[in-house]
C-alpha atoms as a PDB file:
ATOM      1  CA  MET A   1       0.000   0.000   0.000  1.00  0.00           C
ATOM      2  CA  LYS A   2       1.171   3.525  -0.624  1.00  0.00           C
ATOM      3  CA  ARG A   3       2.308   5.838   2.171  1.00  0.00           C
ATOM      4  CA  ARG A   4      -0.721   8.128   1.838  1.00  0.00           C
ATOM      5  CA  ASN A   5      -3.139   5.226   2.398  1.00  0.00           C
ATOM      6  CA  ALA A   6      -1.167   4.069   5.437  1.00  0.00           C
ATOM      7  CA  LEU A   7      -1.152   7.635   6.777  1.00  0.00           C
ATOM      8  CA  ARG A   8      -4.928   7.737   6.432  1.00  0.00           C
ATOM      9  CA  ILE A   9      -5.169   4.709   8.741  1.00  0.00           C
ATOM     10  CA  ILE A  10      -2.587   6.147  11.166  1.00  0.00           C
ATOM     11  CA  ARG A  11      -4.332   9.526  11.323  1.00  0.00           C
ATOM     12  CA  ALA A  12      -7.697   7.874  12.041  1.00  0.00           C
ATOM     13  CA  ALA A  13      -6.202   5.788  14.860  1.00  0.00           C
ATOM     14  CA  ALA A  14      -4.450   8.843  16.311  1.00  0.00           C
ATOM     15  CA  LYS A  15      -7.613  10.954  16.101  1.00  0.00           C
ATOM     16  CA  ALA A  16      -9.511   8.275  18.047  1.00  0.00           C
ATOM     17  CA  ARG A  17      -6.912   8.680  20.824  1.00  0.00           C
ATOM     18  CA  GLY A  18      -6.845  12.472  20.614  1.00  0.00           C
ATOM     19  CA  LEU A  19      -3.319  12.673  19.167  1.00  0.00           C
ATOM     20  CA  SER A  20      -1.979  14.712  16.283  1.00  0.00           C
ATOM     21  CA  VAL A  21       0.157  13.216  13.516  1.00  0.00           C
ATOM     22  CA  THR A  22       3.007  14.995  11.751  1.00  0.00           C
ATOM     23  CA  VAL A  23       4.906  13.693   8.724  1.00  0.00           C
ATOM     24  CA  ASP A  24       8.334  15.027   7.810  1.00  0.00           C
ATOM     25  CA  THR A  25       9.465  13.765   4.402  1.00  0.00           C
ATOM     26  CA  LYS A  26      12.683  15.796   4.562  1.00  0.00           C
ATOM     27  CA  ALA A  27      13.935  14.140   7.773  1.00  0.00           C
ATOM     28  CA  GLY A  28      14.057  10.562   6.417  1.00  0.00           C
ATOM     29  CA  LYS A  29      16.703   9.252   4.065  1.00  0.00           C
ATOM     30  CA  GLY A  30      15.768   8.299   0.510  1.00  0.00           C
ATOM     31  CA  SER A  31      12.114   7.384   0.216  1.00  0.00           C
ATOM     32  CA  HIS A  32      11.545   7.245   3.996  1.00  0.00           C
ATOM     33  CA  ALA A  33       9.684   9.779   6.142  1.00  0.00           C
ATOM     34  CA  LYS A  34       9.568  10.474   9.884  1.00  0.00           C
ATOM     35  CA  VAL A  35       6.082  10.077  11.378  1.00  0.00           C
ATOM     36  CA  THR A  36       5.236  11.448  14.819  1.00  0.00           C
ATOM     37  CA  ALA A  37       2.055  10.724  16.779  1.00  0.00           C
ATOM     38  CA  GLY A  38       1.975  12.532  20.116  1.00  0.00           C
ATOM     39  CA  THR A  39       5.429  11.935  21.624  1.00  0.00           C
ATOM     40  CA  ARG A  40       6.188   8.692  19.722  1.00  0.00           C
ATOM     41  CA  ARG A  41       8.153   8.735  16.464  1.00  0.00           C
ATOM     42  CA  THR A  42       9.061   6.186  13.784  1.00  0.00           C
ATOM     43  CA  THR A  43      10.304   5.956  10.208  1.00  0.00           C
ATOM     44  CA  MET A  44       8.016   4.905   7.366  1.00  0.00           C
ATOM     45  CA  PRO A  45       8.994   3.936   3.794  1.00  0.00           C
ATOM     46  CA  LYS A  46       7.158   4.963   0.654  1.00  0.00           C
ATOM     47  CA  ASN A  47       5.545   1.516   0.207  1.00  0.00           C
ATOM     48  CA  VAL A  48       4.107  -0.103   3.326  1.00  0.00           C
ATOM     49  CA  SER A  49       3.091  -3.757   3.633  1.00  0.00           C
ATOM     50  CA  ASP A  50       0.306  -4.841   5.997  1.00  0.00           C
ATOM     51  CA  PRO A  51       2.687  -6.403   8.578  1.00  0.00           C
ATOM     52  CA  LEU A  52       4.814  -3.263   8.499  1.00  0.00           C
ATOM     53  CA  LEU A  53       1.743  -1.068   9.040  1.00  0.00           C
ATOM     54  CA  LYS A  54       0.883  -3.146  12.122  1.00  0.00           C
ATOM     55  CA  ALA A  55       4.434  -2.650  13.408  1.00  0.00           C
ATOM     56  CA  ILE A  56       4.266   1.112  12.779  1.00  0.00           C
ATOM     57  CA  LEU A  57       0.941   1.349  14.633  1.00  0.00           C
ATOM     58  CA  ARG A  58       2.474  -0.581  17.534  1.00  0.00           C
ATOM     59  CA  GLN A  59       5.573   1.681  17.564  1.00  0.00           C
ATOM     60  CA  LEU A  60       3.366   4.774  17.656  1.00  0.00           C
ATOM     61  CA  ASP A  61       1.273   3.160  20.451  1.00  0.00           C
ATOM     62  CA  LEU A  62      -1.873   3.320  18.321  1.00  0.00           C
ATOM     63  CA  LYS A  63      -2.592  -0.427  18.295  1.00  0.00           C
ATOM     64  CA  ASP A  64      -4.483  -2.095  21.116  1.00  0.00           C
END
């Protein structure tokens, strides 16, 4: 899945928890971007697989 679709899912999960999401495409190397939700931060590539999306949600503490 593309990064924008994954960000749609991340933003919805963050909104449900009352957190804001910021994406900095200049901070990551190559095709990666830094994603911050509240105080948690992770790196996300341009193309995201389903298992990787689950890991990103867990890293941002957005997964139950």
